[in-house]
Amino acid sequence: MRNADLKTPNSQLATRNSQLFSMWFWALLLLGVAVMVKRGDLITFDRAITQWMGSLRMPQLDAAARAVTFLGSSPWTLSVATLMAVGWVRTRQWAMLAAFVVAGGLGFALQVWLRYWVGQWRPDVVTVPSALDVMARYPLFGFASGHAFRSAFLYGWWGEVLQQRRTGWAMAATVGCGLLVFLVGASRIYLHRHWCTDVVGGWLIAMTVLVMTRPVRQPPSVARPEG
């Protein structure tokens, strides 16, 4: 009992430190990639990936990519998020709901800020709007990809939740969530809507805010005294 009492606070502290380290790791990695994209250091890499993806184009893959990319669209992800919110309200999981809304809102705000700060145009941009037309410029900025962020945040959330169940079907569903995240990101590059770094930026935003919600989705276990 005495050992358990001493171990539990240390374990909780180690968990908090690990979560804090992970959050700063993903945030600094995101900032580093954003700086390199803003400076144009990765444009050659982006163009090479886009050219290679373009060589794979065919009608069947085009149709599949359009179907997959919808799973990261605003209508789809907002619909799923609304259903999740209704479920949490009905079960009175207010902390889970608050964590999801705050993290999602913070991720979206970070995406908006990065788009204007980095200023990388999407590969399909033909005409650049006036600098005064702020609203028209926003959807034409590529870094970071909204589809990549939304899919990684939503399916990443469920992937981590399912992973805790430790059952065969849950682990298979976790792998499926990860595959969906990758395919949605790849579809944006394939359809010539985003550069590869745009997609990576969206993933990094999602990872940063997901780490912040882990204390709610993975509450630390508290040892109960015996006797």
Protein backbone atom coordinates (compact mmCIF):
# COMPACT_ATOMS: atom_id res chain seq x y z
CA MET A 1 0.00 0.00 0.00
CA ARG A 2 2.79 2.39 0.90
CA ASN A 3 4.59 1.68 -2.40
CA ALA A 4 1.36 2.19 -4.35
CA ASP A 5 0.76 5.52 -2.63
CA LEU A 6 4.27 6.69 -3.54
CA LYS A 7 4.13 5.40 -7.10
CA THR A 8 0.82 6.91 -8.17
CA PRO A 9 1.79 10.63 -7.93
CA ASN A 10 5.11 9.91 -9.63
CA SER A 11 3.33 8.04 -12.41
CA GLN A 12 0.85 10.88 -12.91
CA LEU A 13 3.67 13.42 -12.98
CA ALA A 14 5.56 11.35 -15.55
CA THR A 15 2.41 11.14 -17.68
CA ARG A 16 1.87 14.91 -17.55
CA ASN A 17 5.49 15.57 -18.42
CA SER A 18 5.28 13.15 -21.33
CA GLN A 19 2.14 14.87 -22.65
CA LEU A 20 3.74 18.29 -22.27
CA PHE A 21 6.87 17.13 -24.08
CA SER A 22 4.77 15.64 -26.90
CA MET A 23 2.75 18.84 -27.31
CA TRP A 24 5.87 21.01 -27.56
CA PHE A 25 7.53 18.51 -29.90
CA TRP A 26 4.67 18.60 -32.42
CA ALA A 27 4.21 22.37 -32.06
CA LEU A 28 7.89 23.11 -32.68
CA LEU A 29 7.99 20.66 -35.58
CA LEU A 30 4.98 22.43 -37.08
CA LEU A 31 6.68 25.80 -36.65
CA GLY A 32 9.88 24.51 -38.24
CA VAL A 33 8.05 23.15 -41.29
CA ALA A 34 6.03 26.37 -41.58
CA VAL A 35 9.20 28.48 -41.57
CA MET A 36 10.80 26.33 -44.27
CA VAL A 37 7.67 26.49 -46.42
CA LYS A 38 7.45 30.26 -46.00
CA ARG A 39 11.09 30.60 -47.09
CA GLY A 40 10.49 28.34 -50.11
CA ASP A 41 13.01 25.73 -48.96
CA LEU A 42 10.67 22.81 -49.72
CA ILE A 43 9.07 23.89 -53.00
CA THR A 44 11.36 21.66 -55.09
CA PHE A 45 10.33 18.69 -52.98
CA ASP A 46 6.65 19.65 -53.30
CA ARG A 47 6.84 19.94 -57.06
CA ALA A 48 8.59 16.58 -57.39
CA ILE A 49 5.88 14.84 -55.33
CA THR A 50 3.10 16.58 -57.28
CA GLN A 51 4.69 15.64 -60.60
CA TRP A 52 5.00 12.02 -59.54
CA MET A 53 1.39 11.91 -58.33
CA GLY A 54 0.29 13.47 -61.60
CA SER A 55 1.92 10.63 -63.53
CA LEU A 56 -0.47 8.21 -61.79
CA ARG A 57 -3.65 9.98 -62.92
CA MET A 58 -6.36 7.83 -64.46
CA PRO A 59 -10.19 8.07 -64.46
CA GLN A 60 -10.67 5.25 -61.94
CA LEU A 61 -8.20 6.74 -59.48
CA ASP A 62 -9.71 10.19 -60.00
CA ALA A 63 -13.13 8.90 -58.95
CA ALA A 64 -11.69 7.07 -55.94
CA ALA A 65 -9.69 10.13 -54.85
CA ARG A 66 -12.77 12.37 -55.04
CA ALA A 67 -14.71 9.90 -52.89
CA VAL A 68 -11.91 9.64 -50.33
CA THR A 69 -11.27 13.38 -50.15
CA PHE A 70 -14.94 13.91 -49.20
CA LEU A 71 -14.19 12.14 -45.90
CA GLY A 72 -12.07 15.15 -44.94
CA SER A 73 -14.49 17.80 -46.18
CA SER A 74 -16.20 20.32 -43.91
CA PRO A 75 -19.76 18.94 -44.45
CA TRP A 76 -18.74 15.38 -43.59
CA THR A 77 -16.49 16.10 -40.62
CA LEU A 78 -18.92 18.63 -39.14
CA SER A 79 -21.76 16.10 -39.45
CA VAL A 80 -19.73 13.44 -37.66
CA ALA A 81 -18.58 15.93 -35.01
CA THR A 82 -22.19 16.97 -34.40
CA LEU A 83 -23.22 13.35 -33.82
CA MET A 84 -20.31 12.94 -31.40
CA ALA A 85 -21.36 16.08 -29.54
CA VAL A 86 -24.97 14.89 -29.26
CA GLY A 87 -23.76 11.59 -27.83
CA TRP A 88 -21.60 13.34 -25.23
CA VAL A 89 -24.47 15.64 -24.24
CA ARG A 90 -26.84 12.70 -23.79
CA THR A 91 -24.29 10.86 -21.64
CA ARG A 92 -23.26 14.07 -19.81
CA GLN A 93 -19.62 13.78 -20.80
CA TRP A 94 -19.08 17.52 -20.56
CA ALA A 95 -15.31 17.35 -20.17
CA MET A 96 -15.00 15.29 -23.37
CA LEU A 97 -17.25 17.68 -25.27
CA ALA A 98 -15.36 20.74 -24.02
CA ALA A 99 -11.99 19.21 -24.89
CA PHE A 100 -13.16 18.35 -28.42
CA VAL A 101 -14.64 21.81 -29.09
CA VAL A 102 -11.70 23.74 -27.63
CA ALA A 103 -9.06 21.61 -29.38
CA GLY A 104 -10.91 21.68 -32.69
CA GLY A 105 -11.41 25.44 -32.47
CA LEU A 106 -7.78 26.02 -31.57
CA GLY A 107 -6.64 23.83 -34.45
CA PHE A 108 -8.85 25.73 -36.90
CA ALA A 109 -7.59 29.09 -35.62
CA LEU A 110 -4.01 27.88 -35.98
CA GLN A 111 -4.71 26.72 -39.53
CA VAL A 112 -6.20 30.11 -40.46
CA TRP A 113 -3.25 31.99 -38.98
CA LEU A 114 -0.71 29.77 -40.74
CA ARG A 115 -2.40 30.23 -44.10
CA TYR A 116 -2.06 33.99 -43.95
CA TRP A 117 1.37 33.99 -42.32
CA VAL A 118 3.01 31.40 -44.58
CA GLY A 119 1.22 32.58 -47.72
CA GLN A 120 1.90 29.53 -49.89
CA TRP A 121 -0.48 29.33 -52.84
CA ARG A 122 -2.14 26.03 -53.67
CA PRO A 123 -0.84 24.31 -56.83
CA ASP A 124 -4.16 24.82 -58.65
CA VAL A 125 -4.20 28.62 -58.21
CA VAL A 126 -4.34 30.42 -61.55
CA THR A 127 -5.22 34.01 -60.62
CA VAL A 128 -4.03 35.62 -57.39
CA PRO A 129 -6.61 37.98 -55.79
CA SER A 130 -5.73 41.46 -54.67
CA ALA A 131 -3.94 41.78 -51.34
CA LEU A 132 -6.94 43.76 -50.09
CA ASP A 133 -9.33 40.88 -50.86
CA VAL A 134 -8.54 38.98 -47.68
CA MET A 135 -11.51 36.61 -47.83
CA ALA A 136 -10.83 35.56 -51.42
CA ARG A 137 -7.19 34.81 -50.65
CA TYR A 138 -7.87 32.49 -47.72
CA PRO A 139 -9.15 29.41 -49.65
CA LEU A 140 -6.32 29.80 -52.16
CA PHE A 141 -3.60 29.57 -49.52
CA GLY A 142 -2.43 26.00 -49.11
CA PHE A 143 -0.48 25.72 -45.87
CA ALA A 144 -2.00 24.10 -43.95
CA SER A 145 -4.54 21.81 -45.61
CA GLY A 146 -7.97 21.94 -44.00
CA HIS A 147 -8.87 18.44 -45.24
CA ALA A 148 -5.67 17.05 -43.75
CA PHE A 149 -6.25 18.78 -40.42
CA ARG A 150 -9.92 17.83 -40.09
CA SER A 151 -9.41 14.18 -41.03
CA ALA A 152 -6.34 13.78 -38.80
CA PHE A 153 -8.11 15.43 -35.87
CA LEU A 154 -11.34 13.48 -36.20
CA TYR A 155 -9.99 10.03 -37.09
CA GLY A 156 -6.96 10.52 -34.88
CA TRP A 157 -9.29 11.19 -31.96
CA TRP A 158 -11.16 7.95 -32.55
CA GLY A 159 -8.01 6.02 -33.32
CA GLU A 160 -6.57 6.81 -29.89
CA VAL A 161 -9.87 6.06 -28.14
CA LEU A 162 -10.23 2.70 -29.88
CA GLN A 163 -6.61 1.80 -29.22
CA GLN A 164 -7.31 1.75 -25.48
CA ARG A 165 -9.81 -1.10 -25.84
CA ARG A 166 -7.07 -3.62 -26.70
CA THR A 167 -9.41 -5.89 -28.68
CA GLY A 168 -8.90 -7.25 -32.18
CA TRP A 169 -11.69 -5.26 -33.80
CA ALA A 170 -10.64 -2.08 -32.00
CA MET A 171 -7.05 -2.41 -33.18
CA ALA A 172 -8.27 -3.05 -36.74
CA ALA A 173 -10.46 0.05 -36.53
CA THR A 174 -7.48 2.04 -35.22
CA VAL A 175 -5.44 0.99 -38.25
CA GLY A 176 -8.41 1.94 -40.45
CA CYS A 177 -8.51 5.42 -38.91
CA GLY A 178 -4.81 5.88 -39.62
CA LEU A 179 -5.29 4.68 -43.18
CA LEU A 180 -8.13 7.14 -43.71
CA VAL A 181 -5.96 10.01 -42.51
CA PHE A 182 -3.23 9.04 -44.97
CA LEU A 183 -5.60 8.51 -47.91
CA VAL A 184 -7.40 11.83 -47.41
CA GLY A 185 -4.06 13.64 -47.35
CA ALA A 186 -2.80 11.75 -50.40
CA SER A 187 -6.02 12.51 -52.28
CA ARG A 188 -5.45 16.25 -51.84
CA ILE A 189 -2.03 15.96 -53.49
CA TYR A 190 -3.29 13.59 -56.19
CA LEU A 191 -6.19 15.91 -57.11
CA HIS A 192 -3.72 18.82 -57.37
CA ARG A 193 -5.45 20.71 -54.56
CA HIS A 194 -2.51 20.91 -52.16
CA TRP A 195 1.24 20.51 -51.96
CA CYS A 196 2.66 17.70 -49.88
CA THR A 197 3.87 20.16 -47.23
CA ASP A 198 0.33 21.57 -46.98
CA VAL A 199 -0.90 18.12 -46.01
CA VAL A 200 1.94 17.57 -43.56
CA GLY A 201 1.14 20.93 -41.98
CA GLY A 202 -2.49 19.89 -41.45
CA TRP A 203 -1.38 16.63 -39.84
CA LEU A 204 1.01 18.45 -37.50
CA ILE A 205 -1.72 20.84 -36.35
CA ALA A 206 -3.95 17.88 -35.56
CA MET A 207 -1.20 16.11 -33.64
CA THR A 208 -0.50 19.23 -31.59
CA VAL A 209 -4.09 19.74 -30.46
CA LEU A 210 -4.79 16.02 -30.01
CA VAL A 211 -1.97 15.76 -27.48
CA MET A 212 -3.62 18.55 -25.50
CA THR A 213 -6.80 16.46 -25.09
CA ARG A 214 -5.14 13.26 -23.90
CA PRO A 215 -5.70 13.97 -20.18
CA VAL A 216 -9.44 13.89 -20.91
CA ARG A 217 -9.46 10.92 -23.29
CA GLN A 218 -6.86 8.99 -21.28
CA PRO A 219 -7.41 9.92 -17.62
CA PRO A 220 -4.61 8.74 -15.32
CA SER A 221 -5.42 5.70 -13.22
CA VAL A 222 -5.56 6.26 -9.48
CA ALA A 223 -4.51 3.43 -7.25
CA ARG A 224 -7.07 2.45 -4.63
CA PRO A 225 -5.81 1.62 -1.15
CA GLU A 226 -6.24 -1.99 -0.13
CA GLY A 227 -7.89 -3.19 3.01
